[in-house]
Amino acid sequence: FIKEAMLQKGYDAFAERVVEVSFPLITGFSYESSKKNDDKITLLFAGTIYNNYRFPKYYFKIVERLDSRFKVVFVGENCDSLNKLDIKTDAEIVALPRVPYEEIQQMIADADILINIGNAIPVHIPSKTLEYINSGKPIVNFYKFDECPTLHYTKKYPLCLNIDERNDDIGGVTKEFIDFCVNSKGKKMDREWIHK
């Protein structure tokens, strides 16, 4: 996929150096949720925020419309910088810096919905996309263009809502987002399906 994209962009010399590999080994997701009697729907973005490359601006438009049923968590590189933003919402927002890998895995297990923000370039897939699928949890994937490499995986994943960031109908998108989160809370993909 990356090789084809590089050839289309005219980077022939670079494309010839691309080494194709198979789908990453699925080792299983061994973490169990430690959440007890929490009525809130926890939305988790785990990863790196880049201002012009992977920034949740469109997601913020939805977060502003969420009610107190939701807890919105950002964790990872540059995520704590989001605390400086003045996002008006009834949802609880938590923005944390990078934490050890084991803590991230536990946060994924504890989350109800995993949030994936696609990149602004067509040749890089956020590695969390595959980790999210490996967890079996419901995913909301935000993408910026039709050739987004996340779609290669997320379109196949039954517990995924793909949201096109070019859609100007924020009210309609927010309703679809909320309905997906409410209906998907507590669901998990079967491990055998993920392996297949």
N, C-alpha and C. Protein backbone atom coordinates (compact mmCIF):
# COMPACT_ATOMS: atom_id res chain seq x y z
N PHE A 1 0.84 -1.20 0.00
CA PHE A 1 0.00 0.00 0.00
C PHE A 1 0.87 1.25 0.00
N ILE A 2 1.87 1.27 0.87
CA ILE A 2 2.77 2.42 0.96
C ILE A 2 3.57 2.55 -0.34
N LYS A 3 4.03 1.42 -0.87
CA LYS A 3 4.80 1.44 -2.11
C LYS A 3 3.97 2.06 -3.23
N GLU A 4 2.72 1.66 -3.36
CA GLU A 4 1.84 2.21 -4.39
C GLU A 4 1.65 3.72 -4.21
N ALA A 5 1.47 4.14 -2.97
CA ALA A 5 1.29 5.57 -2.70
C ALA A 5 2.54 6.36 -3.06
N MET A 6 3.71 5.81 -2.75
CA MET A 6 4.96 6.50 -3.07
C MET A 6 5.14 6.61 -4.58
N LEU A 7 4.80 5.57 -5.32
CA LEU A 7 4.91 5.60 -6.77
C LEU A 7 3.96 6.65 -7.36
N GLN A 8 2.74 6.73 -6.82
CA GLN A 8 1.77 7.72 -7.29
C GLN A 8 2.26 9.15 -7.05
N LYS A 9 3.02 9.35 -5.98
CA LYS A 9 3.53 10.68 -5.65
C LYS A 9 4.83 10.99 -6.40
N GLY A 10 5.35 10.02 -7.16
CA GLY A 10 6.56 10.25 -7.94
C GLY A 10 7.85 9.96 -7.19
N TYR A 11 7.76 9.27 -6.06
CA TYR A 11 8.95 8.94 -5.29
C TYR A 11 9.43 7.53 -5.65
N ASP A 12 9.75 7.33 -6.92
CA ASP A 12 10.11 6.00 -7.41
C ASP A 12 11.31 5.40 -6.69
N ALA A 13 12.37 6.20 -6.51
CA ALA A 13 13.59 5.70 -5.87
C ALA A 13 13.30 5.23 -4.44
N PHE A 14 12.49 6.00 -3.73
CA PHE A 14 12.15 5.61 -2.36
C PHE A 14 11.26 4.37 -2.37
N ALA A 15 10.29 4.32 -3.29
CA ALA A 15 9.36 3.20 -3.35
C ALA A 15 10.09 1.88 -3.57
N GLU A 16 11.17 1.91 -4.34
CA GLU A 16 11.93 0.70 -4.59
C GLU A 16 12.64 0.19 -3.35
N ARG A 17 12.81 1.04 -2.34
CA ARG A 17 13.48 0.64 -1.10
C ARG A 17 12.50 0.14 -0.04
N VAL A 18 11.19 0.23 -0.34
CA VAL A 18 10.18 -0.22 0.62
C VAL A 18 10.20 -1.74 0.69
N VAL A 19 10.22 -2.27 1.92
CA VAL A 19 10.21 -3.71 2.13
C VAL A 19 8.82 -4.09 2.62
N GLU A 20 8.17 -4.99 1.92
CA GLU A 20 6.83 -5.41 2.31
C GLU A 20 6.92 -6.48 3.39
N VAL A 21 6.08 -6.36 4.41
CA VAL A 21 6.03 -7.35 5.49
C VAL A 21 4.59 -7.79 5.66
N SER A 22 4.41 -8.91 6.31
CA SER A 22 3.07 -9.42 6.53
C SER A 22 2.41 -8.71 7.71
N PHE A 23 1.16 -8.99 7.94
CA PHE A 23 0.42 -8.40 9.05
C PHE A 23 1.14 -8.73 10.36
N PRO A 24 1.22 -7.77 11.28
CA PRO A 24 1.94 -8.03 12.54
C PRO A 24 1.38 -9.23 13.29
N LEU A 25 2.25 -9.91 13.99
CA LEU A 25 1.84 -11.06 14.79
C LEU A 25 0.83 -10.63 15.85
N ILE A 26 -0.28 -11.32 15.90
CA ILE A 26 -1.28 -11.06 16.93
C ILE A 26 -0.96 -11.99 18.10
N THR A 27 -0.47 -11.41 19.16
CA THR A 27 -0.05 -12.23 20.30
C THR A 27 -1.15 -12.39 21.34
N GLY A 28 -2.23 -11.70 21.12
CA GLY A 28 -3.31 -11.75 22.11
C GLY A 28 -3.26 -10.53 23.00
N PHE A 29 -4.38 -10.21 23.58
CA PHE A 29 -4.48 -9.06 24.48
C PHE A 29 -4.85 -9.63 25.83
N SER A 30 -3.92 -9.60 26.76
CA SER A 30 -4.10 -10.31 28.02
C SER A 30 -4.63 -9.45 29.16
N TYR A 31 -4.89 -8.18 28.90
CA TYR A 31 -5.33 -7.29 29.97
C TYR A 31 -6.86 -7.35 30.11
N GLU A 32 -7.31 -7.35 31.34
CA GLU A 32 -8.75 -7.35 31.65
C GLU A 32 -9.13 -6.02 32.27
N SER A 33 -10.35 -5.60 32.05
CA SER A 33 -10.81 -4.34 32.61
C SER A 33 -10.85 -4.39 34.13
N SER A 34 -10.40 -3.31 34.73
CA SER A 34 -10.45 -3.20 36.19
C SER A 34 -11.52 -2.20 36.62
N LYS A 35 -12.30 -1.71 35.63
CA LYS A 35 -13.37 -0.75 35.92
C LYS A 35 -14.48 -1.42 36.71
N LYS A 36 -14.93 -0.77 37.75
CA LYS A 36 -16.01 -1.32 38.57
C LYS A 36 -17.16 -0.31 38.65
N ASN A 37 -18.34 -0.75 38.26
CA ASN A 37 -19.56 0.04 38.41
C ASN A 37 -19.41 1.49 37.95
N ASP A 38 -18.83 1.67 36.78
CA ASP A 38 -18.68 3.02 36.23
C ASP A 38 -19.72 3.21 35.14
N ASP A 39 -20.63 4.15 35.36
CA ASP A 39 -21.68 4.39 34.39
C ASP A 39 -21.20 5.20 33.20
N LYS A 40 -20.09 5.90 33.35
CA LYS A 40 -19.60 6.75 32.26
C LYS A 40 -19.09 5.89 31.11
N ILE A 41 -19.22 6.43 29.91
CA ILE A 41 -18.66 5.82 28.72
C ILE A 41 -17.27 6.43 28.54
N THR A 42 -16.23 5.62 28.72
CA THR A 42 -14.86 6.12 28.63
C THR A 42 -14.35 5.99 27.21
N LEU A 43 -13.94 7.14 26.65
CA LEU A 43 -13.36 7.21 25.31
C LEU A 43 -11.87 7.44 25.47
N LEU A 44 -11.04 6.61 24.85
CA LEU A 44 -9.59 6.72 25.03
C LEU A 44 -8.87 6.94 23.71
N PHE A 45 -8.08 8.01 23.67
CA PHE A 45 -7.08 8.18 22.60
C PHE A 45 -5.73 7.94 23.25
N ALA A 46 -4.98 6.97 22.74
CA ALA A 46 -3.63 6.70 23.25
C ALA A 46 -2.68 6.82 22.06
N GLY A 47 -1.73 7.72 22.16
CA GLY A 47 -0.80 7.91 21.05
C GLY A 47 -0.11 9.24 21.12
N THR A 48 0.34 9.70 19.99
CA THR A 48 1.08 10.95 19.91
C THR A 48 0.25 11.99 19.17
N ILE A 49 0.22 13.19 19.71
CA ILE A 49 -0.44 14.33 19.07
C ILE A 49 0.63 15.15 18.34
N TYR A 50 0.39 15.41 17.05
CA TYR A 50 1.24 16.30 16.26
C TYR A 50 0.35 17.41 15.73
N ASN A 51 0.77 18.66 15.86
CA ASN A 51 -0.08 19.79 15.47
C ASN A 51 -0.56 19.73 14.02
N ASN A 52 0.30 19.45 13.07
CA ASN A 52 -0.11 19.47 11.66
C ASN A 52 -0.21 18.09 11.04
N TYR A 53 -0.07 17.07 11.85
CA TYR A 53 0.08 15.72 11.32
C TYR A 53 -0.99 14.78 11.87
N ARG A 54 -1.20 14.83 13.18
CA ARG A 54 -2.25 14.04 13.83
C ARG A 54 -2.77 14.86 15.00
N PHE A 55 -3.79 15.66 14.72
CA PHE A 55 -4.36 16.53 15.74
C PHE A 55 -5.87 16.31 15.77
N PRO A 56 -6.47 16.19 16.95
CA PRO A 56 -7.90 15.83 17.06
C PRO A 56 -8.88 17.00 16.93
N LYS A 57 -8.61 17.94 16.05
CA LYS A 57 -9.47 19.12 15.90
C LYS A 57 -10.93 18.74 15.60
N TYR A 58 -11.12 17.83 14.67
CA TYR A 58 -12.48 17.41 14.32
C TYR A 58 -13.14 16.68 15.49
N TYR A 59 -12.39 15.83 16.15
CA TYR A 59 -12.89 15.10 17.32
C TYR A 59 -13.34 16.08 18.40
N PHE A 60 -12.62 17.19 18.57
CA PHE A 60 -13.00 18.20 19.56
C PHE A 60 -14.39 18.76 19.28
N LYS A 61 -14.75 18.89 18.00
CA LYS A 61 -16.08 19.40 17.64
C LYS A 61 -17.17 18.46 18.17
N ILE A 62 -16.88 17.18 18.19
CA ILE A 62 -17.83 16.20 18.73
C ILE A 62 -17.80 16.23 20.25
N VAL A 63 -16.59 16.28 20.82
CA VAL A 63 -16.44 16.31 22.29
C VAL A 63 -17.21 17.48 22.88
N GLU A 64 -17.21 18.62 22.20
CA GLU A 64 -17.94 19.80 22.69
C GLU A 64 -19.43 19.54 22.83
N ARG A 65 -19.95 18.56 22.09
CA ARG A 65 -21.38 18.27 22.10
C ARG A 65 -21.75 17.08 22.99
N LEU A 66 -20.75 16.49 23.66
CA LEU A 66 -21.02 15.32 24.52
C LEU A 66 -21.56 15.76 25.87
N ASP A 67 -22.33 14.87 26.48
CA ASP A 67 -22.90 15.18 27.79
C ASP A 67 -22.11 14.50 28.90
N SER A 68 -22.62 14.59 30.11
CA SER A 68 -21.90 14.11 31.29
C SER A 68 -21.79 12.58 31.37
N ARG A 69 -22.41 11.86 30.44
CA ARG A 69 -22.25 10.39 30.42
C ARG A 69 -20.85 9.98 29.97
N PHE A 70 -20.10 10.92 29.38
CA PHE A 70 -18.83 10.59 28.74
C PHE A 70 -17.62 11.08 29.53
N LYS A 71 -16.58 10.25 29.50
CA LYS A 71 -15.27 10.61 30.02
C LYS A 71 -14.30 10.49 28.84
N VAL A 72 -13.65 11.59 28.49
CA VAL A 72 -12.78 11.66 27.32
C VAL A 72 -11.34 11.69 27.81
N VAL A 73 -10.56 10.66 27.46
CA VAL A 73 -9.19 10.53 27.95
C VAL A 73 -8.22 10.59 26.77
N PHE A 74 -7.18 11.42 26.93
CA PHE A 74 -6.07 11.49 26.00
C PHE A 74 -4.82 11.12 26.78
N VAL A 75 -4.02 10.19 26.27
CA VAL A 75 -2.77 9.84 26.94
C VAL A 75 -1.70 9.57 25.90
N GLY A 76 -0.52 10.16 26.13
CA GLY A 76 0.59 9.93 25.21
C GLY A 76 1.41 11.18 24.99
N GLU A 77 2.30 11.07 24.05
CA GLU A 77 3.22 12.17 23.74
C GLU A 77 2.44 13.41 23.31
N ASN A 78 2.68 14.51 23.97
CA ASN A 78 2.06 15.82 23.72
C ASN A 78 0.59 15.91 24.13
N CYS A 79 0.01 14.85 24.68
CA CYS A 79 -1.41 14.88 25.05
C CYS A 79 -1.67 15.82 26.23
N ASP A 80 -0.73 15.91 27.15
CA ASP A 80 -0.95 16.79 28.29
C ASP A 80 -1.02 18.26 27.87
N SER A 81 -0.50 18.59 26.68
CA SER A 81 -0.60 19.96 26.18
C SER A 81 -2.04 20.34 25.87
N LEU A 82 -2.91 19.35 25.71
CA LEU A 82 -4.33 19.63 25.44
C LEU A 82 -5.01 20.28 26.64
N ASN A 83 -4.41 20.16 27.83
CA ASN A 83 -4.97 20.81 29.02
C ASN A 83 -5.03 22.33 28.86
N LYS A 84 -4.20 22.88 27.99
CA LYS A 84 -4.17 24.32 27.77
C LYS A 84 -5.35 24.80 26.92
N LEU A 85 -5.98 23.88 26.20
CA LEU A 85 -7.10 24.25 25.35
C LEU A 85 -8.36 24.43 26.19
N ASP A 86 -9.18 25.35 25.80
CA ASP A 86 -10.40 25.61 26.54
C ASP A 86 -11.57 24.97 25.80
N ILE A 87 -11.75 23.67 26.02
CA ILE A 87 -12.81 22.93 25.35
C ILE A 87 -14.05 22.97 26.23
N LYS A 88 -15.11 23.54 25.72
CA LYS A 88 -16.36 23.65 26.46
C LYS A 88 -17.20 22.40 26.21
N THR A 89 -17.42 21.61 27.26
CA THR A 89 -18.18 20.38 27.13
C THR A 89 -18.71 19.98 28.51
N ASP A 90 -19.77 19.18 28.51
CA ASP A 90 -20.27 18.61 29.75
C ASP A 90 -19.59 17.28 30.08
N ALA A 91 -18.81 16.77 29.13
CA ALA A 91 -18.07 15.53 29.36
C ALA A 91 -16.85 15.82 30.24
N GLU A 92 -16.42 14.80 30.95
CA GLU A 92 -15.17 14.91 31.73
C GLU A 92 -14.00 14.70 30.77
N ILE A 93 -12.98 15.57 30.86
CA ILE A 93 -11.80 15.44 30.00
C ILE A 93 -10.57 15.23 30.86
N VAL A 94 -9.77 14.22 30.49
CA VAL A 94 -8.51 13.93 31.17
C VAL A 94 -7.43 13.88 30.10
N ALA A 95 -6.37 14.68 30.25
CA ALA A 95 -5.25 14.69 29.31
C ALA A 95 -3.97 14.41 30.07
N LEU A 96 -3.32 13.30 29.73
CA LEU A 96 -2.14 12.83 30.46
C LEU A 96 -0.92 12.74 29.55
N PRO A 97 0.28 12.88 30.13
CA PRO A 97 1.49 12.69 29.34
C PRO A 97 1.70 11.21 29.05
N ARG A 98 2.79 10.92 28.39
CA ARG A 98 3.15 9.53 28.08
C ARG A 98 3.33 8.74 29.38
N VAL A 99 2.83 7.52 29.39
CA VAL A 99 2.97 6.64 30.55
C VAL A 99 3.57 5.31 30.07
N PRO A 100 4.06 4.46 30.97
CA PRO A 100 4.64 3.18 30.55
C PRO A 100 3.64 2.33 29.75
N TYR A 101 4.19 1.51 28.87
CA TYR A 101 3.40 0.68 27.96
C TYR A 101 2.35 -0.16 28.69
N GLU A 102 2.72 -0.75 29.82
CA GLU A 102 1.79 -1.60 30.57
C GLU A 102 0.58 -0.78 31.05
N GLU A 103 0.81 0.45 31.43
CA GLU A 103 -0.29 1.31 31.86
C GLU A 103 -1.22 1.64 30.70
N ILE A 104 -0.64 1.87 29.53
CA ILE A 104 -1.46 2.12 28.33
C ILE A 104 -2.34 0.90 28.04
N GLN A 105 -1.75 -0.28 28.12
CA GLN A 105 -2.52 -1.49 27.84
C GLN A 105 -3.68 -1.64 28.82
N GLN A 106 -3.45 -1.31 30.10
CA GLN A 106 -4.52 -1.38 31.08
C GLN A 106 -5.59 -0.33 30.79
N MET A 107 -5.17 0.84 30.35
CA MET A 107 -6.13 1.89 30.00
C MET A 107 -6.98 1.47 28.80
N ILE A 108 -6.37 0.78 27.85
CA ILE A 108 -7.12 0.25 26.71
C ILE A 108 -8.15 -0.76 27.21
N ALA A 109 -7.74 -1.63 28.12
CA ALA A 109 -8.67 -2.63 28.67
C ALA A 109 -9.81 -1.97 29.43
N ASP A 110 -9.53 -0.86 30.11
CA ASP A 110 -10.55 -0.18 30.91
C ASP A 110 -11.48 0.70 30.09
N ALA A 111 -11.05 1.10 28.89
CA ALA A 111 -11.85 2.00 28.05
C ALA A 111 -13.05 1.26 27.46
N ASP A 112 -14.09 2.02 27.19
CA ASP A 112 -15.25 1.46 26.50
C ASP A 112 -15.11 1.58 25.00
N ILE A 113 -14.59 2.73 24.55
CA ILE A 113 -14.43 3.01 23.13
C ILE A 113 -13.02 3.55 22.91
N LEU A 114 -12.33 3.03 21.89
CA LEU A 114 -11.00 3.50 21.57
C LEU A 114 -11.07 4.47 20.40
N ILE A 115 -10.36 5.59 20.52
CA ILE A 115 -10.38 6.63 19.50
C ILE A 115 -9.08 6.61 18.72
N ASN A 116 -9.20 6.50 17.39
CA ASN A 116 -8.03 6.52 16.52
C ASN A 116 -8.11 7.77 15.65
N ILE A 117 -7.04 8.56 15.66
CA ILE A 117 -6.97 9.76 14.81
C ILE A 117 -6.01 9.45 13.68
N GLY A 118 -6.52 9.45 12.45
CA GLY A 118 -5.67 9.18 11.29
C GLY A 118 -4.70 10.32 11.03
N ASN A 119 -3.67 10.02 10.28
CA ASN A 119 -2.65 11.01 9.97
C ASN A 119 -3.04 11.87 8.78
N ALA A 120 -2.34 12.98 8.63
CA ALA A 120 -2.59 13.90 7.53
C ALA A 120 -1.78 13.54 6.28
N ILE A 121 -1.04 12.43 6.32
CA ILE A 121 -0.30 11.97 5.14
C ILE A 121 -0.72 10.54 4.83
N PRO A 122 -0.68 10.16 3.55
CA PRO A 122 -1.25 8.87 3.15
C PRO A 122 -0.34 7.66 3.28
N VAL A 123 0.86 7.80 3.82
CA VAL A 123 1.77 6.67 3.81
C VAL A 123 2.13 6.16 5.20
N HIS A 124 1.41 6.59 6.22
CA HIS A 124 1.74 6.15 7.57
C HIS A 124 0.47 5.82 8.33
N ILE A 125 0.42 4.64 8.91
CA ILE A 125 -0.72 4.24 9.72
C ILE A 125 -0.31 4.32 11.19
N PRO A 126 -1.11 4.98 12.03
CA PRO A 126 -0.77 4.98 13.46
C PRO A 126 -0.72 3.54 13.98
N SER A 127 0.35 3.19 14.67
CA SER A 127 0.51 1.82 15.14
C SER A 127 -0.59 1.42 16.12
N LYS A 128 -1.18 2.39 16.80
CA LYS A 128 -2.25 2.09 17.75
C LYS A 128 -3.46 1.48 17.03
N THR A 129 -3.62 1.74 15.75
CA THR A 129 -4.75 1.16 15.01
C THR A 129 -4.74 -0.36 15.15
N LEU A 130 -3.58 -0.96 14.94
CA LEU A 130 -3.47 -2.42 15.02
C LEU A 130 -3.56 -2.90 16.46
N GLU A 131 -3.00 -2.14 17.39
CA GLU A 131 -3.12 -2.50 18.81
C GLU A 131 -4.58 -2.45 19.25
N TYR A 132 -5.30 -1.45 18.79
CA TYR A 132 -6.72 -1.34 19.13
C TYR A 132 -7.49 -2.55 18.63
N ILE A 133 -7.26 -2.93 17.38
CA ILE A 133 -7.94 -4.10 16.82
C ILE A 133 -7.58 -5.34 17.62
N ASN A 134 -6.32 -5.46 18.00
CA ASN A 134 -5.88 -6.61 18.78
C ASN A 134 -6.61 -6.71 20.12
N SER A 135 -7.02 -5.57 20.68
CA SER A 135 -7.73 -5.58 21.97
C SER A 135 -9.15 -6.11 21.85
N GLY A 136 -9.71 -6.04 20.64
CA GLY A 136 -11.09 -6.48 20.43
C GLY A 136 -12.13 -5.45 20.83
N LYS A 137 -11.70 -4.27 21.25
CA LYS A 137 -12.62 -3.23 21.73
C LYS A 137 -13.24 -2.45 20.56
N PRO A 138 -14.38 -1.78 20.81
CA PRO A 138 -14.96 -0.91 19.79
C PRO A 138 -14.03 0.28 19.51
N ILE A 139 -13.99 0.69 18.24
CA ILE A 139 -13.10 1.75 17.79
C ILE A 139 -13.88 2.79 17.00
N VAL A 140 -13.56 4.07 17.24
CA VAL A 140 -14.00 5.14 16.35
C VAL A 140 -12.74 5.63 15.67
N ASN A 141 -12.73 5.54 14.34
CA ASN A 141 -11.56 5.92 13.54
C ASN A 141 -11.88 7.19 12.75
N PHE A 142 -11.09 8.24 13.00
CA PHE A 142 -11.23 9.49 12.25
C PHE A 142 -10.22 9.48 11.11
N TYR A 143 -10.69 9.76 9.89
CA TYR A 143 -9.77 9.80 8.75
C TYR A 143 -9.98 11.08 7.96
N LYS A 144 -8.92 11.50 7.24
CA LYS A 144 -8.91 12.79 6.58
C LYS A 144 -9.04 12.71 5.06
N PHE A 145 -8.84 11.54 4.46
CA PHE A 145 -8.92 11.39 3.01
C PHE A 145 -9.23 9.94 2.67
N ASP A 146 -9.72 9.71 1.45
CA ASP A 146 -10.19 8.38 1.05
C ASP A 146 -9.10 7.32 1.05
N GLU A 147 -7.84 7.71 0.85
CA GLU A 147 -6.75 6.75 0.79
C GLU A 147 -6.08 6.54 2.14
N CYS A 148 -6.72 6.95 3.22
CA CYS A 148 -6.12 6.81 4.54
C CYS A 148 -5.82 5.32 4.80
N PRO A 149 -4.55 5.00 5.16
CA PRO A 149 -4.21 3.59 5.35
C PRO A 149 -4.93 2.92 6.52
N THR A 150 -5.49 3.70 7.45
CA THR A 150 -6.25 3.09 8.54
C THR A 150 -7.45 2.32 8.00
N LEU A 151 -8.05 2.85 6.92
CA LEU A 151 -9.28 2.26 6.39
C LEU A 151 -9.05 0.83 5.87
N HIS A 152 -7.84 0.52 5.46
CA HIS A 152 -7.53 -0.83 4.99
C HIS A 152 -7.87 -1.86 6.07
N TYR A 153 -7.70 -1.49 7.33
CA TYR A 153 -7.97 -2.38 8.46
C TYR A 153 -9.32 -2.11 9.10
N THR A 154 -9.64 -0.85 9.32
CA THR A 154 -10.85 -0.52 10.09
C THR A 154 -12.14 -0.83 9.34
N LYS A 155 -12.12 -0.79 8.02
CA LYS A 155 -13.33 -1.14 7.26
C LYS A 155 -13.68 -2.62 7.42
N LYS A 156 -12.68 -3.44 7.74
CA LYS A 156 -12.91 -4.88 7.92
C LYS A 156 -13.35 -5.21 9.34
N TYR A 157 -13.15 -4.28 10.24
CA TYR A 157 -13.38 -4.53 11.68
C TYR A 157 -14.82 -4.19 12.04
N PRO A 158 -15.64 -5.19 12.40
CA PRO A 158 -17.07 -4.96 12.62
C PRO A 158 -17.42 -3.98 13.74
N LEU A 159 -16.55 -3.83 14.75
CA LEU A 159 -16.83 -2.92 15.86
C LEU A 159 -16.16 -1.57 15.65
N CYS A 160 -16.19 -1.07 14.42
CA CYS A 160 -15.55 0.21 14.13
C CYS A 160 -16.51 1.15 13.43
N LEU A 161 -16.50 2.40 13.89
CA LEU A 161 -17.20 3.48 13.21
C LEU A 161 -16.13 4.36 12.58
N ASN A 162 -16.14 4.44 11.24
CA ASN A 162 -15.20 5.31 10.53
C ASN A 162 -15.86 6.65 10.28
N ILE A 163 -15.18 7.73 10.69
CA ILE A 163 -15.73 9.08 10.54
C ILE A 163 -14.83 9.89 9.63
N ASP A 164 -15.41 10.38 8.54
CA ASP A 164 -14.71 11.21 7.57
C ASP A 164 -14.67 12.64 8.10
N GLU A 165 -13.48 13.17 8.35
CA GLU A 165 -13.34 14.51 8.90
C GLU A 165 -13.74 15.62 7.93
N ARG A 166 -14.04 15.28 6.70
CA ARG A 166 -14.50 16.28 5.72
C ARG A 166 -16.01 16.49 5.81
N ASN A 167 -16.70 15.70 6.62
CA ASN A 167 -18.15 15.80 6.76
C ASN A 167 -18.49 17.03 7.61
N ASP A 168 -19.20 18.00 7.01
CA ASP A 168 -19.54 19.25 7.71
C ASP A 168 -20.78 19.12 8.60
N ASP A 169 -21.49 18.01 8.52
CA ASP A 169 -22.71 17.83 9.32
C ASP A 169 -22.33 17.33 10.72
N ILE A 170 -21.79 18.24 11.53
CA ILE A 170 -21.31 17.86 12.87
C ILE A 170 -22.45 17.32 13.74
N GLY A 171 -23.64 17.91 13.60
CA GLY A 171 -24.78 17.42 14.37
C GLY A 171 -25.10 15.97 14.04
N GLY A 172 -25.15 15.64 12.76
CA GLY A 172 -25.42 14.28 12.33
C GLY A 172 -24.32 13.32 12.72
N VAL A 173 -23.08 13.76 12.56
CA VAL A 173 -21.93 12.92 12.91
C VAL A 173 -21.92 12.66 14.42
N THR A 174 -22.22 13.71 15.21
CA THR A 174 -22.24 13.56 16.67
C THR A 174 -23.31 12.56 17.09
N LYS A 175 -24.48 12.62 16.47
CA LYS A 175 -25.54 11.67 16.80
C LYS A 175 -25.09 10.24 16.48
N GLU A 176 -24.48 10.06 15.31
CA GLU A 176 -23.98 8.73 14.92
C GLU A 176 -22.90 8.26 15.90
N PHE A 177 -22.02 9.17 16.31
CA PHE A 177 -20.95 8.87 17.25
C PHE A 177 -21.53 8.43 18.60
N ILE A 178 -22.47 9.20 19.13
CA ILE A 178 -23.07 8.89 20.43
C ILE A 178 -23.82 7.56 20.36
N ASP A 179 -24.61 7.35 19.31
CA ASP A 179 -25.34 6.09 19.16
C ASP A 179 -24.38 4.90 19.13
N PHE A 180 -23.29 5.04 18.37
CA PHE A 180 -22.30 3.96 18.30
C PHE A 180 -21.72 3.68 19.68
N CYS A 181 -21.34 4.73 20.41
CA CYS A 181 -20.72 4.55 21.73
C CYS A 181 -21.68 3.89 22.71
N VAL A 182 -22.92 4.36 22.74
CA VAL A 182 -23.92 3.80 23.66
C VAL A 182 -24.19 2.34 23.32
N ASN A 183 -24.35 2.03 22.03
CA ASN A 183 -24.68 0.67 21.61
C ASN A 183 -23.50 -0.29 21.66
N SER A 184 -22.25 0.25 21.64
CA SER A 184 -21.07 -0.61 21.60
C SER A 184 -20.42 -0.83 22.95
N LYS A 185 -20.81 -0.03 23.95
CA LYS A 185 -20.21 -0.17 25.28
C LYS A 185 -20.37 -1.61 25.77
N GLY A 186 -19.27 -2.21 26.21
CA GLY A 186 -19.30 -3.57 26.74
C GLY A 186 -19.11 -4.66 25.69
N LYS A 187 -19.08 -4.30 24.41
CA LYS A 187 -18.90 -5.31 23.36
C LYS A 187 -17.42 -5.57 23.13
N LYS A 188 -17.13 -6.76 22.62
CA LYS A 188 -15.74 -7.13 22.34
C LYS A 188 -15.74 -8.16 21.21
N MET A 189 -14.78 -8.01 20.31
CA MET A 189 -14.66 -8.96 19.21
C MET A 189 -14.07 -10.27 19.72
N ASP A 190 -14.53 -11.35 19.14
CA ASP A 190 -14.02 -12.67 19.47
C ASP A 190 -12.57 -12.80 19.04
N ARG A 191 -11.73 -13.37 19.88
CA ARG A 191 -10.30 -13.53 19.61
C ARG A 191 -10.06 -14.30 18.31
N GLU A 192 -10.87 -15.32 18.04
CA GLU A 192 -10.70 -16.11 16.81
C GLU A 192 -10.91 -15.27 15.58
N TRP A 193 -11.90 -14.34 15.63
CA TRP A 193 -12.14 -13.46 14.49
C TRP A 193 -10.91 -12.59 14.25
N ILE A 194 -10.32 -12.06 15.33
CA ILE A 194 -9.16 -11.19 15.20
C ILE A 194 -7.99 -11.96 14.58
N HIS A 195 -7.75 -13.18 15.02
CA HIS A 195 -6.68 -13.99 14.43
C HIS A 195 -6.93 -14.24 12.96
N LYS A 196 -8.18 -14.54 12.62
CA LYS A 196 -8.53 -14.81 11.21
C LYS A 196 -8.32 -13.57 10.38
